[in-house]
Each structure stands twice: as structure tokens, then as C-alpha cells.
Amino acid sequence: MHRECGFTVLDLLITLAVTAILAGIAIPNFTTLIRSQRAVATVNELAAALNYARHTAITRNSDVTLCKSADGKQCNHALASWNAGWLIFQNLGHHSPPQVGAGEPILRMHGPLAPTVRVISNRDSFTFHPMGKRSVNGTLLYCSEDGKHDRALIINVTGRIRLSDQPGTDTSLDCS
């Protein structure tokens, strides 16, 4: 007598039911994890850009500016948010508002952010001066799609930054 091996329809339905239940539990938690990691990554990229600009201003003994940019070649102060990207350049001409002039090196640039988040600021640009001179202060606010992962990068007049995970309490900027 020859015996068949395999799965029955009942085995398949039970396996699919268990898989559906586990997926229903895991997917919301996974979505929260993705949003949290996106917030951490974007805020860290902004903090690194600010720290790089500050450090470069000190080491090169020259003004260095971080500004909004859609093309990575020029500052665009008309942009409503920082989502299009930003660039860092050595502001040798001390332009106000900052613009990349002839012979001014672009040091770094960053492309667009994910369309589901928003980065706003109370400044169109941040210019860091060499040691002994006051730099611009301000706030960059990361607004997550669900509002649970909002973060603020607060820059003081010396160019030092601090992170706040409760931006409504220490900044007037609001994601709503």
C-alpha cells in the first residue's frame, strides 16, 4: 500500500490563520519602529550637519553657513521647510541673506527627506562664525507623520546644539 505525504487543506488554513494573527500583531509595532528610527536618523543627520558647520567655521577661521537648498548648489530661502535638502558652504563673502558666491566652496549637501516627515525652522539658514564671535541661534523642528516622534534641535548663540523630545515645552515652533 502506497501512502501520500503532504499537507491537508485544514493544515494550510490553520497555518494561514496563525500567520495572519501574528502579522496583525507585528505590523503596527514594526510601523512604530520604522517611524522612530526615521526620526532618529533624520535628527542625527541634522545634528551632524550643524556640528560639522560649527567645527569647520572654527578650524577654517571663516564663516560657514547651513541653508535650505533644493538643488545642492544654491540656498533657497523661499522654501517653506527643510525637506528639499540643505547645503553647507564656506561663506567667504559674508552674504546676508546667505548665498553661495563665486569661489565659495560647497562643503557638504544633503538631498530630500522622506515625504512623510517635515522639518521646519525659525531660521532660513544658520551661519557659524569662528571662535570668539557670536553665531546665530534658532531651532530646527522634526515633525513626524504621527506626531509621536517630534524632536527639536535647539541651537544656542555659541552654536552648540541640544535635542528636545518635547518640542512644545522649549520652543515656540509647533508641528500642527
Protein backbone atom coordinates (compact mmCIF):
# COMPACT_ATOMS: atom_id res chain seq x y z
CA MET A 1 0.00 0.00 0.00
CA HIS A 2 1.37 3.43 -1.05
CA ARG A 3 0.92 6.31 1.41
CA GLU A 4 0.77 10.03 0.29
CA CYS A 5 2.68 12.66 2.31
CA GLY A 6 1.79 16.33 2.39
CA PHE A 7 -0.47 18.95 3.88
CA THR A 8 -4.21 18.82 4.08
CA VAL A 9 -6.42 21.80 3.37
CA LEU A 10 -7.14 22.02 7.09
CA ASP A 11 -3.38 22.23 7.88
CA LEU A 12 -3.00 25.01 5.33
CA LEU A 13 -5.96 27.00 6.72
CA ILE A 14 -4.67 26.73 10.30
CA THR A 15 -1.19 27.88 9.21
CA LEU A 16 -2.65 30.84 7.31
CA ALA A 17 -4.84 31.81 10.29
CA VAL A 18 -1.88 31.74 12.71
CA THR A 19 0.26 33.73 10.23
CA ALA A 20 -2.49 36.36 9.82
CA ILE A 21 -2.84 36.75 13.59
CA LEU A 22 0.91 37.13 14.09
CA ALA A 23 1.14 39.64 11.21
CA GLY A 24 -1.73 41.63 12.72
CA ILE A 25 0.20 41.91 15.97
CA ALA A 26 3.63 42.61 14.46
CA ILE A 27 2.86 45.16 11.71
CA PRO A 28 1.70 48.04 13.97
CA ASN A 29 4.77 47.59 16.19
CA PHE A 30 7.01 47.45 13.12
CA THR A 31 5.48 50.68 11.77
CA THR A 32 6.19 52.42 15.08
CA LEU A 33 9.75 51.14 14.98
CA ILE A 34 10.25 52.45 11.43
CA ARG A 35 8.88 55.90 12.36
CA SER A 36 11.06 56.04 15.45
CA GLN A 37 14.19 55.07 13.51
CA ARG A 38 13.39 57.58 10.75
CA ALA A 39 13.15 60.32 13.39
CA VAL A 40 16.45 59.29 14.98
CA ALA A 41 18.23 59.09 11.62
CA THR A 42 16.97 62.46 10.33
CA VAL A 43 17.65 64.30 13.59
CA ASN A 44 21.14 62.76 13.73
CA GLU A 45 21.81 63.89 10.13
CA LEU A 46 20.74 67.43 11.01
CA ALA A 47 22.80 67.43 14.21
CA ALA A 48 25.84 66.14 12.30
CA ALA A 49 25.41 68.88 9.68
CA LEU A 50 25.16 71.58 12.34
CA ASN A 51 28.18 70.25 14.24
CA TYR A 52 30.19 69.96 11.02
CA ALA A 53 29.38 73.56 10.07
CA ARG A 54 30.32 74.82 13.53
CA HIS A 55 33.54 72.81 13.64
CA THR A 56 34.53 73.89 10.13
CA ALA A 57 33.95 77.56 10.98
CA ILE A 58 36.35 77.18 13.89
CA THR A 59 39.02 75.20 12.06
CA ARG A 60 38.97 77.33 8.89
CA ASN A 61 38.58 80.57 10.85
CA SER A 62 35.80 81.60 8.47
CA ASP A 63 32.01 81.88 8.39
CA VAL A 64 30.28 78.63 7.43
CA THR A 65 26.58 78.53 6.56
CA LEU A 66 23.98 75.76 6.59
CA CYS A 67 20.97 76.68 4.45
CA LYS A 68 17.91 75.16 2.76
CA SER A 69 18.58 74.03 -0.79
CA ALA A 70 16.62 72.10 -3.39
CA ASP A 71 19.44 71.72 -5.91
CA GLY A 72 22.50 71.39 -3.67
CA LYS A 73 24.11 74.39 -5.41
CA GLN A 74 22.37 77.48 -4.01
CA CYS A 75 20.47 78.47 -0.88
CA ASN A 76 16.73 78.74 -1.39
CA HIS A 77 15.20 80.87 1.36
CA ALA A 78 11.76 80.69 -0.27
CA LEU A 79 11.33 77.01 0.67
CA ALA A 80 8.74 76.55 3.40
CA SER A 81 10.60 73.67 5.05
CA TRP A 82 13.99 71.94 5.01
CA ASN A 83 12.53 68.82 3.32
CA ALA A 84 14.06 69.58 -0.09
CA GLY A 85 17.53 69.30 1.44
CA TRP A 86 20.32 71.56 2.61
CA LEU A 87 23.87 72.52 1.90
CA ILE A 88 26.87 73.71 3.88
CA PHE A 89 29.26 76.22 2.34
CA GLN A 90 32.08 78.49 3.37
CA ASN A 91 30.52 81.96 3.38
CA LEU A 92 33.62 83.98 2.49
CA GLY A 93 31.60 86.98 1.27
CA HIS A 94 29.50 87.22 4.46
CA HIS A 95 26.36 87.47 2.31
CA SER A 96 23.10 88.36 4.05
CA PRO A 97 20.89 86.52 3.33
CA PRO A 98 23.48 83.81 2.69
CA GLN A 99 24.06 82.78 -0.93
CA VAL A 100 26.86 80.73 -2.46
CA GLY A 101 29.10 83.21 -4.22
CA ALA A 102 31.80 82.68 -6.81
CA GLY A 103 34.77 80.88 -5.32
CA GLU A 104 32.92 79.88 -2.15
CA PRO A 105 33.30 76.12 -1.68
CA ILE A 106 30.29 73.93 -1.05
CA LEU A 107 31.45 71.65 1.74
CA ARG A 108 28.51 69.24 2.00
CA MET A 109 24.99 68.80 0.74
CA HIS A 110 22.00 66.65 1.68
CA GLY A 111 19.19 65.56 -0.61
CA PRO A 112 15.44 65.50 0.02
CA LEU A 113 13.88 63.92 3.09
CA ALA A 114 11.12 61.31 3.14
CA PRO A 115 7.82 62.85 2.01
CA THR A 116 6.02 61.67 5.17
CA VAL A 117 8.00 63.94 7.51
CA ARG A 118 8.63 67.67 7.73
CA VAL A 119 11.50 69.75 9.09
CA ILE A 120 10.69 73.38 9.88
CA SER A 121 12.74 76.12 11.46
CA ASN A 122 12.54 79.66 12.73
CA ARG A 123 15.57 80.42 10.51
CA ASP A 124 16.18 80.07 6.77
CA SER A 125 19.87 79.47 7.42
CA PHE A 126 22.39 79.09 10.21
CA THR A 127 25.75 80.86 9.94
CA PHE A 128 28.53 79.81 12.26
CA HIS A 129 31.41 82.17 12.98
CA PRO A 130 34.94 81.41 14.14
CA MET A 131 35.65 81.28 17.87
CA GLY A 132 35.10 84.47 19.78
CA LYS A 133 32.21 85.62 17.60
CA ARG A 134 28.55 85.10 18.25
CA SER A 135 26.78 82.68 15.87
CA VAL A 136 23.08 82.59 15.04
CA ASN A 137 20.72 80.79 17.38
CA GLY A 138 17.49 79.04 16.41
CA THR A 139 15.56 75.81 16.26
CA LEU A 140 15.07 73.02 13.74
CA LEU A 141 11.91 71.01 14.39
CA TYR A 142 11.45 67.47 13.05
CA CYS A 143 7.72 66.74 12.61
CA SER A 144 6.84 63.06 12.32
CA GLU A 145 3.80 61.81 10.45
CA ASP A 146 2.05 60.61 13.62
CA GLY A 147 3.23 63.38 15.97
CA LYS A 148 4.66 60.86 18.44
CA HIS A 149 8.27 61.22 17.31
CA ASP A 150 8.59 65.02 17.03
CA ARG A 151 12.04 66.32 18.00
CA ALA A 152 13.66 69.75 18.24
CA LEU A 153 17.29 70.68 17.69
CA ILE A 154 17.89 73.89 19.60
CA ILE A 155 21.00 75.87 18.65
CA ASN A 156 22.32 78.45 21.13
CA VAL A 157 24.31 81.59 20.28
CA THR A 158 27.65 79.80 20.55
CA GLY A 159 26.47 77.21 18.02
CA ARG A 160 26.04 74.36 20.47
CA ILE A 161 23.01 72.18 19.89
CA ARG A 162 20.77 70.25 22.21
CA LEU A 163 17.98 67.82 21.48
CA SER A 164 14.49 68.03 22.90
CA ASP A 165 11.95 65.25 22.54
CA GLN A 166 9.23 67.57 23.88
CA PRO A 167 9.50 70.49 21.46
CA GLY A 168 6.32 72.21 22.64
CA THR A 169 7.84 72.89 26.05
CA ASP A 170 11.08 74.58 25.00
CA THR A 171 10.40 76.13 21.62
CA SER A 172 7.62 78.22 20.13
CA LEU A 173 7.65 76.14 16.93
CA ASP A 174 4.75 73.76 16.56
CA CYS A 175 4.22 70.89 14.09
CA SER A 176 0.49 71.41 13.78
